[in-house]
Protein backbone atom coordinates (compact mmCIF):
# COMPACT_ATOMS: atom_id res chain seq x y z
CA UNK A 1 11.09 -32.96 6.75
CA UNK A 2 13.97 -34.49 8.98
CA UNK A 3 15.58 -31.14 10.05
CA UNK A 4 12.06 -29.89 10.82
CA UNK A 5 11.19 -32.38 12.88
CA UNK A 6 14.63 -32.35 14.98
CA UNK A 7 14.45 -28.17 14.95
CA UNK A 8 10.79 -28.45 16.41
CA UNK A 9 11.96 -30.78 19.38
CA UNK A 10 14.89 -28.50 20.31
CA UNK A 11 12.73 -25.47 20.49
CA UNK A 12 10.08 -26.38 22.13
CA UNK A 13 11.96 -28.57 25.07
CA UNK A 14 12.08 -26.44 28.18
CA UNK A 15 15.00 -27.61 29.76
CA UNK A 16 16.84 -26.67 27.06
CA UNK A 17 15.47 -23.36 26.11
CA UNK A 18 16.11 -22.24 29.25
CA UNK A 19 19.88 -22.11 28.07
CA UNK A 20 19.73 -21.94 24.63
CA UNK A 21 16.49 -19.58 23.20
CA UNK A 22 14.46 -21.26 20.67
CA UNK A 23 15.11 -18.09 18.47
CA UNK A 24 18.95 -18.87 18.43
CA UNK A 25 18.24 -22.73 17.45
CA UNK A 26 18.01 -22.64 13.51
CA UNK A 27 17.50 -24.74 10.76
CA UNK A 28 20.56 -24.51 8.55
CA UNK A 29 23.48 -22.02 8.79
CA UNK A 30 23.08 -19.38 11.49
CA UNK A 31 23.11 -15.71 10.89
CA UNK A 32 26.43 -14.58 11.39
CA UNK A 33 26.77 -12.53 15.18
CA UNK A 34 24.20 -15.15 16.62
CA UNK A 35 24.60 -14.75 20.16
CA UNK A 36 26.00 -17.81 21.80
CA UNK A 37 24.96 -20.49 23.18
CA UNK A 38 22.98 -21.63 19.72
CA UNK A 39 22.48 -24.52 17.94
CA UNK A 40 22.03 -25.43 14.17
CA UNK A 41 20.38 -28.11 12.82
CA UNK A 42 21.50 -29.42 9.24
CA UNK A 43 20.91 -32.53 6.82
CA UNK A 44 23.89 -34.21 6.09
CA UNK A 45 21.88 -37.07 3.90
CA UNK A 46 18.71 -39.37 2.67
CA UNK A 47 18.56 -42.20 1.69
CA UNK A 48 15.16 -42.85 0.05
CA UNK A 49 13.69 -46.78 0.17
CA UNK A 50 11.43 -46.61 -3.13
CA UNK A 51 8.59 -49.66 -2.93
CA UNK A 52 6.06 -49.91 -5.95
CA UNK A 53 3.03 -51.37 -3.71
CA UNK A 54 3.10 -48.04 -1.40
CA UNK A 55 2.01 -44.10 -1.90
CA UNK A 56 4.52 -43.49 0.68
CA UNK A 57 8.42 -43.69 1.09
CA UNK A 58 10.73 -44.48 3.83
CA UNK A 59 13.57 -42.51 4.21
CA UNK A 60 16.52 -42.28 6.64
CA UNK A 61 17.97 -38.89 7.09
CA UNK A 62 21.52 -38.18 8.82
CA UNK A 63 21.25 -35.01 10.93
CA UNK A 64 23.53 -33.16 12.64
CA UNK A 65 23.25 -30.88 15.71
CA UNK A 66 25.84 -28.36 15.99
CA UNK A 67 26.23 -26.50 19.60
CA UNK A 68 28.21 -22.93 19.82
CA UNK A 69 29.16 -22.08 22.89
CA UNK A 70 31.67 -20.46 25.89
CA UNK A 71 33.09 -21.65 27.78
CA UNK A 72 33.60 -25.30 26.98
CA UNK A 73 31.65 -26.45 30.25
CA UNK A 74 28.81 -24.84 28.80
CA UNK A 75 29.40 -26.14 25.60
CA UNK A 76 29.01 -29.62 27.28
CA UNK A 77 26.18 -29.11 29.29
CA UNK A 78 24.10 -27.91 26.13
CA UNK A 79 24.65 -31.06 24.21
CA UNK A 80 23.54 -33.31 27.26
CA UNK A 81 20.34 -31.05 27.27
CA UNK A 82 20.22 -31.61 23.31
CA UNK A 83 20.50 -35.41 23.82
CA UNK A 84 18.02 -34.89 26.38
CA UNK A 85 15.36 -33.18 24.11
CA UNK A 86 16.00 -36.01 21.34
CA UNK A 87 15.11 -39.36 23.30
CA UNK A 88 14.41 -42.39 21.37
CA UNK A 89 10.80 -41.66 19.59
CA UNK A 90 8.42 -42.03 17.23
CA UNK A 91 5.27 -40.11 16.32
CA UNK A 92 4.30 -36.95 14.46
CA UNK A 93 6.46 -34.10 15.01
CA UNK A 94 5.48 -30.79 13.60
CA UNK A 95 3.65 -32.79 10.73
CA UNK A 96 6.42 -35.12 9.87
CA UNK A 97 5.50 -38.80 10.63
CA UNK A 98 8.25 -39.88 12.44
CA UNK A 99 9.12 -44.15 12.65
CA UNK A 100 12.06 -43.38 14.81
CA UNK A 101 14.70 -40.76 16.40
CA UNK A 102 18.53 -42.43 17.01
CA UNK A 103 21.29 -41.12 18.72
CA UNK A 104 24.67 -42.12 15.77
CA UNK A 105 28.15 -40.70 16.23
CA UNK A 106 29.36 -37.50 18.55
CA UNK A 107 31.68 -35.13 16.60
CA UNK A 108 34.61 -33.79 17.44
CA UNK A 109 34.87 -30.31 19.82
CA UNK A 110 36.58 -27.48 17.97
CA UNK A 111 37.97 -24.37 19.60
CA UNK A 112 38.38 -20.86 17.56
CA UNK A 113 40.90 -17.93 18.09
CA UNK A 114 38.05 -16.36 19.69
CA UNK A 115 37.50 -18.83 22.51
CA UNK A 116 34.03 -20.36 20.90
CA UNK A 117 33.50 -23.85 21.49
CA UNK A 118 31.73 -25.73 18.84
CA UNK A 119 31.21 -29.47 19.11
CA UNK A 120 28.32 -32.10 17.16
CA UNK A 121 26.10 -34.17 17.85
CA UNK A 122 24.81 -37.00 14.90
CA UNK A 123 20.96 -38.54 14.93
CA UNK A 124 19.55 -40.71 12.75
CA UNK A 125 15.73 -40.05 11.27
CA UNK A 126 13.35 -42.43 10.20
CA UNK A 127 10.41 -40.85 8.46
CA UNK A 128 7.89 -41.43 6.11
CA UNK A 129 6.65 -38.56 2.75
């Protein structure tokens, strides 16, 4: 549910999909050969808070949004678009009851031998199941 909500918000944000088409914003690992720029949304971890008196569980998940682009300035500008597409917010997102979407850590930047630049942004998603 966490990845489902984040991917939906990214793939439906007009300024972001003007740079990275929705077809290149994926849940999980992207297929090899995906054109750049591209974004992968992956689940890192979830803590479930079990309450005997409630029929729903409050979940706190960490989601990583990895941006792959070239040249480097495109990586940084795309990361800024991701931040703008995921504001602190709450509500139902693509069927997921989201209590909050909060920024967490920015990961390191990497460059491979072919000049591909990779950077990640982490988010904390609180939602109910």
